[in-house]
Protein backbone atom coordinates (compact mmCIF):
# COMPACT_ATOMS: atom_id res chain seq x y z
CA MET A 1 -27.44 -18.03 -44.85
CA ALA A 2 -28.24 -16.73 -41.38
CA ILE A 3 -29.52 -13.25 -40.66
CA THR A 4 -29.10 -11.16 -37.53
CA ALA A 5 -31.57 -9.10 -35.51
CA THR A 6 -29.59 -5.99 -36.46
CA GLU A 7 -29.95 -6.78 -40.18
CA ILE A 8 -33.71 -7.29 -39.78
CA GLU A 9 -34.02 -3.99 -37.94
CA SER A 10 -32.04 -2.22 -40.69
CA LEU A 11 -34.32 -3.60 -43.41
CA ILE A 12 -37.44 -2.52 -41.53
CA ARG A 13 -35.92 0.89 -40.73
CA GLU A 14 -35.46 1.61 -44.46
CA SER A 15 -39.25 1.56 -44.90
CA PHE A 16 -40.15 2.91 -41.45
CA PRO A 17 -37.43 5.44 -40.56
CA ASP A 18 -39.30 6.95 -37.61
CA ALA A 19 -40.61 3.70 -36.13
CA LEU A 20 -39.86 2.24 -32.75
CA ILE A 21 -38.41 -1.16 -33.69
CA ASN A 22 -37.42 -3.96 -31.35
CA VAL A 23 -36.11 -7.23 -32.84
CA GLN A 24 -35.16 -10.18 -30.68
CA GLY A 25 -33.74 -13.60 -31.50
CA ASP A 26 -30.32 -15.16 -31.54
CA ASP A 27 -30.44 -18.40 -33.50
CA GLY A 28 -30.19 -16.81 -36.96
CA GLN A 29 -33.60 -18.08 -38.11
CA HIS A 30 -36.33 -17.37 -35.54
CA PHE A 31 -37.07 -13.84 -34.43
CA ALA A 32 -39.70 -11.67 -32.78
CA ALA A 33 -40.18 -8.05 -33.80
CA GLU A 34 -42.31 -5.20 -32.57
CA VAL A 35 -42.79 -2.25 -34.92
CA ILE A 36 -44.65 0.85 -33.75
CA ASP A 37 -45.17 3.46 -36.43
CA GLU A 38 -47.59 6.30 -37.13
CA SER A 39 -48.14 5.03 -40.68
CA PHE A 40 -50.07 2.08 -39.18
CA ARG A 41 -52.81 4.34 -37.83
CA GLY A 42 -56.13 3.45 -39.46
CA LYS A 43 -54.80 0.20 -40.95
CA ASN A 44 -55.81 -3.23 -39.75
CA ARG A 45 -53.26 -5.70 -38.41
CA VAL A 46 -52.98 -7.59 -41.71
CA GLN A 47 -52.23 -4.39 -43.63
CA GLN A 48 -49.64 -3.36 -41.04
CA GLN A 49 -47.89 -6.72 -41.11
CA ARG A 50 -47.89 -6.92 -44.91
CA ALA A 51 -46.10 -3.57 -44.98
CA VAL A 52 -43.41 -4.88 -42.64
CA TYR A 53 -43.01 -8.14 -44.59
CA ALA A 54 -42.62 -6.09 -47.78
CA ALA A 55 -39.82 -4.15 -46.05
CA LEU A 56 -37.95 -7.43 -45.54
CA LYS A 57 -37.40 -7.59 -49.31
CA GLY A 58 -37.87 -11.31 -49.81
CA LYS A 59 -35.80 -12.45 -46.83
CA MET A 60 -38.72 -14.70 -45.77
CA ASP A 61 -39.46 -16.12 -49.24
CA GLY A 62 -39.81 -19.88 -49.09
CA PRO A 63 -37.31 -22.47 -47.90
CA ASN A 64 -34.36 -20.53 -49.32
CA GLY A 65 -35.14 -17.36 -47.37
CA ALA A 66 -32.63 -16.13 -44.80
CA LEU A 67 -35.36 -15.62 -42.22
CA HIS A 68 -37.35 -18.71 -41.27
CA ALA A 69 -39.82 -17.32 -38.72
CA LEU A 70 -40.78 -13.87 -37.49
CA ALA A 71 -43.33 -13.34 -34.72
CA LEU A 72 -44.51 -9.85 -35.60
CA THR A 73 -46.36 -7.28 -33.50
CA THR A 74 -47.35 -4.02 -35.17
CA LYS A 75 -49.31 -1.00 -33.99
CA ALA A 76 -49.64 2.76 -34.18
CA PRO A 77 -48.27 4.79 -31.28
CA ALA A 78 -50.64 5.37 -28.37
């Protein structure tokens, strides 16, 4: 089951409603996302990315996940 960039953005937006989110990718499996949110301030990159992966609600879980690969960039606003 393929997923779209819009669906990924919607899932992330549920957990980060005020974030600047940019998701790119058009093959239904491989995407790149940048998430900039104030809640990331003071957290290291691993903590930030875990929070975003949690927002995806299992869409990346194993070979049966809808999302195969996500290149993820996270940071707090400047």
